[in-house]
Amino acid sequence: MCKVRGVGIDLCDISRMEKNLQDDRFLNRFFTEAEAAYIRSRGLSASQSMAGMWAAKEAFLKSVGVGLALPLQDIE
């Protein structure tokens, strides 16, 4: 369990996620099975959903003050 130490904020470029959207290794490495299924189900909005989820995960890590010490799959 992580203790919140501050506020986290993050932005993610949607075009960056568009490039990674077709890479199953990227999805499986950073997103849970449920998240990957949700992203794939979003159709034309998939890269936007993926970018938002990525930014939320990184913002959480910043708020607990651990950087990338936790695997992103552990944050859902």
Protein backbone atom coordinates (compact mmCIF):
# COMPACT_ATOMS: atom_id res chain seq x y z
CA MET A 1 0.00 0.00 0.00
CA CYS A 2 1.36 3.42 -0.97
CA LYS A 3 0.91 6.55 1.06
CA VAL A 4 0.04 9.69 -0.89
CA ARG A 5 2.75 12.29 -0.38
CA GLY A 6 1.62 15.01 -2.75
CA VAL A 7 -0.16 15.83 -5.95
CA GLY A 8 0.69 14.15 -9.21
CA ILE A 9 0.00 15.48 -12.67
CA ASP A 10 1.03 14.16 -16.05
CA LEU A 11 0.34 14.66 -19.73
CA CYS A 12 0.77 12.18 -22.53
CA ASP A 13 0.99 12.93 -26.24
CA ILE A 14 -1.80 11.05 -28.02
CA SER A 15 0.33 10.57 -31.14
CA ARG A 16 2.90 8.73 -29.00
CA MET A 17 0.20 6.27 -27.95
CA GLU A 18 -1.03 5.89 -31.55
CA LYS A 19 2.40 4.51 -32.44
CA ASN A 20 2.28 2.02 -29.54
CA LEU A 21 -1.35 1.02 -29.99
CA GLN A 22 -0.63 -1.80 -32.43
CA ASP A 23 2.23 -3.19 -30.32
CA ASP A 24 0.79 -5.95 -28.11
CA ARG A 25 4.08 -6.14 -26.19
CA PHE A 26 3.68 -2.50 -25.14
CA LEU A 27 0.06 -3.03 -24.07
CA ASN A 28 0.89 -6.20 -22.15
CA ARG A 29 3.90 -4.63 -20.43
CA PHE A 30 2.20 -1.51 -19.11
CA PHE A 31 -1.53 -2.29 -18.92
CA THR A 32 -3.56 -5.04 -17.27
CA GLU A 33 -5.55 -7.45 -19.44
CA ALA A 34 -8.76 -5.58 -18.58
CA GLU A 35 -7.21 -2.22 -19.47
CA ALA A 36 -5.83 -3.55 -22.76
CA ALA A 37 -9.24 -4.99 -23.66
CA TYR A 38 -10.90 -1.66 -22.84
CA ILE A 39 -8.37 0.24 -24.95
CA ARG A 40 -8.87 -2.11 -27.91
CA SER A 41 -12.66 -1.73 -27.62
CA ARG A 42 -12.51 2.06 -27.96
CA GLY A 43 -12.11 2.04 -31.75
CA LEU A 44 -11.10 5.48 -33.04
CA SER A 45 -10.74 6.77 -29.48
CA ALA A 46 -8.32 4.02 -28.45
CA SER A 47 -5.18 6.15 -28.51
CA GLN A 48 -6.92 8.90 -26.52
CA SER A 49 -8.05 6.41 -23.88
CA MET A 50 -4.61 4.84 -23.77
CA ALA A 51 -2.93 8.25 -23.32
CA GLY A 52 -5.31 9.16 -20.50
CA MET A 53 -4.72 5.89 -18.68
CA TRP A 54 -0.94 6.23 -19.10
CA ALA A 55 -1.00 9.79 -17.74
CA ALA A 56 -3.15 8.72 -14.78
CA LYS A 57 -0.73 5.92 -13.89
CA GLU A 58 2.28 8.25 -14.02
CA ALA A 59 0.44 10.94 -12.03
CA PHE A 60 -0.32 8.36 -9.34
CA LEU A 61 3.34 7.39 -9.12
CA LYS A 62 4.29 11.04 -8.76
CA SER A 63 1.71 11.57 -6.02
CA VAL A 64 3.10 8.72 -3.92
CA GLY A 65 6.66 9.83 -4.60
CA VAL A 66 8.08 6.59 -5.94
CA GLY A 67 8.82 7.46 -9.57
CA LEU A 68 8.73 4.40 -11.77
CA ALA A 69 9.55 2.05 -8.87
CA LEU A 70 6.21 0.24 -9.25
CA PRO A 71 5.29 -1.68 -12.39
CA LEU A 72 2.56 0.20 -14.27
CA GLN A 73 0.53 -3.02 -14.46
CA ASP A 74 0.16 -2.83 -10.68
CA ILE A 75 -1.80 0.41 -11.05
CA GLU A 76 -5.29 -0.04 -12.45
